[in-house]
Amino acid sequence: MGGQETETLAGLAIDSTGAAWIGGSTTSTDMRASPNAYQASSGGSASPQVTYTDGYLAKINPQGTALLYGTKYRLTVTTAV
């Protein structure tokens, strides 16, 4: 999805128009979101010891060349040791 950190795919579905819906999780703060995103920015982190993981949902056009919808959802907080 274009982020500089880790994106993990958890699910993929093709709708009746041929568009692909993908969902998963990301630790990237720079992953793309669409203008109509539910949550465009990442959870962020105020400390290098804390990693925020966001869920994401994206819709890709049938040709696989354009992001039609992309959003993040705040998931969990993991503290590094």
C-alpha atoms as a PDB file:
ATOM      1  CA  MET A   1       0.000   0.000   0.000  1.00  0.00           C
ATOM      2  CA  GLY A   2       2.999   2.272  -0.180  1.00  0.00           C
ATOM      3  CA  GLY A   3       3.961   2.847   3.440  1.00  0.00           C
ATOM      4  CA  GLN A   4       7.563   2.836   4.612  1.00  0.00           C
ATOM      5  CA  GLU A   5       6.938   0.429   7.496  1.00  0.00           C
ATOM      6  CA  THR A   6       5.066  -2.894   7.665  1.00  0.00           C
ATOM      7  CA  GLU A   7       1.727  -3.601   5.980  1.00  0.00           C
ATOM      8  CA  THR A   8       0.124  -6.996   6.530  1.00  0.00           C
ATOM      9  CA  LEU A   9      -2.686  -8.308   4.327  1.00  0.00           C
ATOM     10  CA  ALA A  10      -5.468 -10.049   6.269  1.00  0.00           C
ATOM     11  CA  GLY A  11      -8.197 -10.297   3.650  1.00  0.00           C
ATOM     12  CA  LEU A  12      -9.020  -9.806  -0.012  1.00  0.00           C
ATOM     13  CA  ALA A  13     -12.384  -9.737  -1.798  1.00  0.00           C
ATOM     14  CA  ILE A  14     -13.441  -8.892  -5.346  1.00  0.00           C
ATOM     15  CA  ASP A  15     -16.766  -7.071  -5.645  1.00  0.00           C
ATOM     16  CA  SER A  16     -19.309  -7.257  -8.498  1.00  0.00           C
ATOM     17  CA  THR A  17     -17.541  -4.421 -10.384  1.00  0.00           C
ATOM     18  CA  GLY A  18     -14.218  -6.283 -10.324  1.00  0.00           C
ATOM     19  CA  ALA A  19     -12.680  -3.911  -7.776  1.00  0.00           C
ATOM     20  CA  ALA A  20     -10.472  -5.464  -5.105  1.00  0.00           C
ATOM     21  CA  TRP A  21     -11.118  -4.740  -1.426  1.00  0.00           C
ATOM     22  CA  ILE A  22      -8.133  -5.413   0.815  1.00  0.00           C
ATOM     23  CA  GLY A  23      -7.770  -5.128   4.548  1.00  0.00           C
ATOM     24  CA  GLY A  24      -5.075  -5.665   7.092  1.00  0.00           C
ATOM     25  CA  SER A  25      -2.818  -3.859   9.523  1.00  0.00           C
ATOM     26  CA  THR A  26       0.014  -1.365   9.225  1.00  0.00           C
ATOM     27  CA  THR A  27       2.623   0.360  11.354  1.00  0.00           C
ATOM     28  CA  SER A  28       3.333   2.885   8.568  1.00  0.00           C
ATOM     29  CA  THR A  29       2.597   6.515   9.353  1.00  0.00           C
ATOM     30  CA  ASP A  30       2.745   7.448   5.653  1.00  0.00           C
ATOM     31  CA  MET A  31       0.355   4.910   4.116  1.00  0.00           C
ATOM     32  CA  ARG A  32      -1.954   6.550   1.558  1.00  0.00           C
ATOM     33  CA  ALA A  33      -5.587   7.319   2.349  1.00  0.00           C
ATOM     34  CA  SER A  34      -8.292   8.650   0.043  1.00  0.00           C
ATOM     35  CA  PRO A  35      -9.802  12.137   0.475  1.00  0.00           C
ATOM     36  CA  ASN A  36     -13.012  10.587   1.866  1.00  0.00           C
ATOM     37  CA  ALA A  37     -11.189   8.374   4.392  1.00  0.00           C
ATOM     38  CA  TYR A  38     -12.769   7.613   7.749  1.00  0.00           C
ATOM     39  CA  GLN A  39      -9.320   8.102   9.356  1.00  0.00           C
ATOM     40  CA  ALA A  40      -6.636   9.541   7.096  1.00  0.00           C
ATOM     41  CA  SER A  41      -3.768   9.762   9.589  1.00  0.00           C
ATOM     42  CA  SER A  42      -2.075   7.016  11.551  1.00  0.00           C
ATOM     43  CA  GLY A  43      -2.266   6.479  15.290  1.00  0.00           C
ATOM     44  CA  GLY A  44       1.191   8.032  15.487  1.00  0.00           C
ATOM     45  CA  SER A  45       3.599   7.718  18.360  1.00  0.00           C
ATOM     46  CA  ALA A  46       4.841  10.203  20.913  1.00  0.00           C
ATOM     47  CA  SER A  47       7.661   7.888  21.931  1.00  0.00           C
ATOM     48  CA  PRO A  48      10.114   5.668  20.012  1.00  0.00           C
ATOM     49  CA  GLN A  49       9.327   2.864  22.506  1.00  0.00           C
ATOM     50  CA  VAL A  50       5.635   2.776  21.499  1.00  0.00           C
ATOM     51  CA  THR A  51       4.385   1.420  18.162  1.00  0.00           C
ATOM     52  CA  TYR A  52       0.829   2.113  17.074  1.00  0.00           C
ATOM     53  CA  THR A  53      -0.811  -0.386  14.756  1.00  0.00           C
ATOM     54  CA  ASP A  54      -3.655   0.738  12.523  1.00  0.00           C
ATOM     55  CA  GLY A  55      -6.022  -1.398  10.547  1.00  0.00           C
ATOM     56  CA  TYR A  56      -6.620  -0.420   6.940  1.00  0.00           C
ATOM     57  CA  LEU A  57      -9.288  -0.971   4.320  1.00  0.00           C
ATOM     58  CA  ALA A  58      -8.708  -0.139   0.670  1.00  0.00           C
ATOM     59  CA  LYS A  59     -10.577  -0.458  -2.607  1.00  0.00           C
ATOM     60  CA  ILE A  60      -8.473  -0.788  -5.780  1.00  0.00           C
ATOM     61  CA  ASN A  61      -9.951  -0.326  -9.260  1.00  0.00           C
ATOM     62  CA  PRO A  62     -10.438  -3.451 -11.449  1.00  0.00           C
ATOM     63  CA  GLN A  63      -7.292  -2.623 -13.450  1.00  0.00           C
ATOM     64  CA  GLY A  64      -5.223  -2.464 -10.261  1.00  0.00           C
ATOM     65  CA  THR A  65      -3.954   0.996 -11.131  1.00  0.00           C
ATOM     66  CA  ALA A  66      -5.809   3.347  -8.761  1.00  0.00           C
ATOM     67  CA  LEU A  67      -6.808   3.611  -5.132  1.00  0.00           C
ATOM     68  CA  LEU A  68     -10.565   4.267  -5.074  1.00  0.00           C
ATOM     69  CA  TYR A  69     -10.917   4.299  -1.288  1.00  0.00           C
ATOM     70  CA  GLY A  70      -8.424   3.950   1.514  1.00  0.00           C
ATOM     71  CA  THR A  71      -8.771   4.470   5.246  1.00  0.00           C
ATOM     72  CA  LYS A  72      -7.125   3.531   8.514  1.00  0.00           C
ATOM     73  CA  TYR A  73      -8.666   2.402  11.787  1.00  0.00           C
ATOM     74  CA  ARG A  74      -6.897   2.712  15.123  1.00  0.00           C
ATOM     75  CA  LEU A  75      -6.277  -0.791  16.520  1.00  0.00           C
ATOM     76  CA  THR A  76      -3.837  -1.400  19.377  1.00  0.00           C
ATOM     77  CA  VAL A  77      -0.841  -0.072  21.249  1.00  0.00           C
ATOM     78  CA  THR A  78       2.252  -2.252  21.673  1.00  0.00           C
ATOM     79  CA  THR A  79       5.055  -1.221  23.994  1.00  0.00           C
ATOM     80  CA  ALA A  80       8.557  -2.306  23.016  1.00  0.00           C
ATOM     81  CA  VAL A  81      10.898  -3.665  25.685  1.00  0.00           C
END
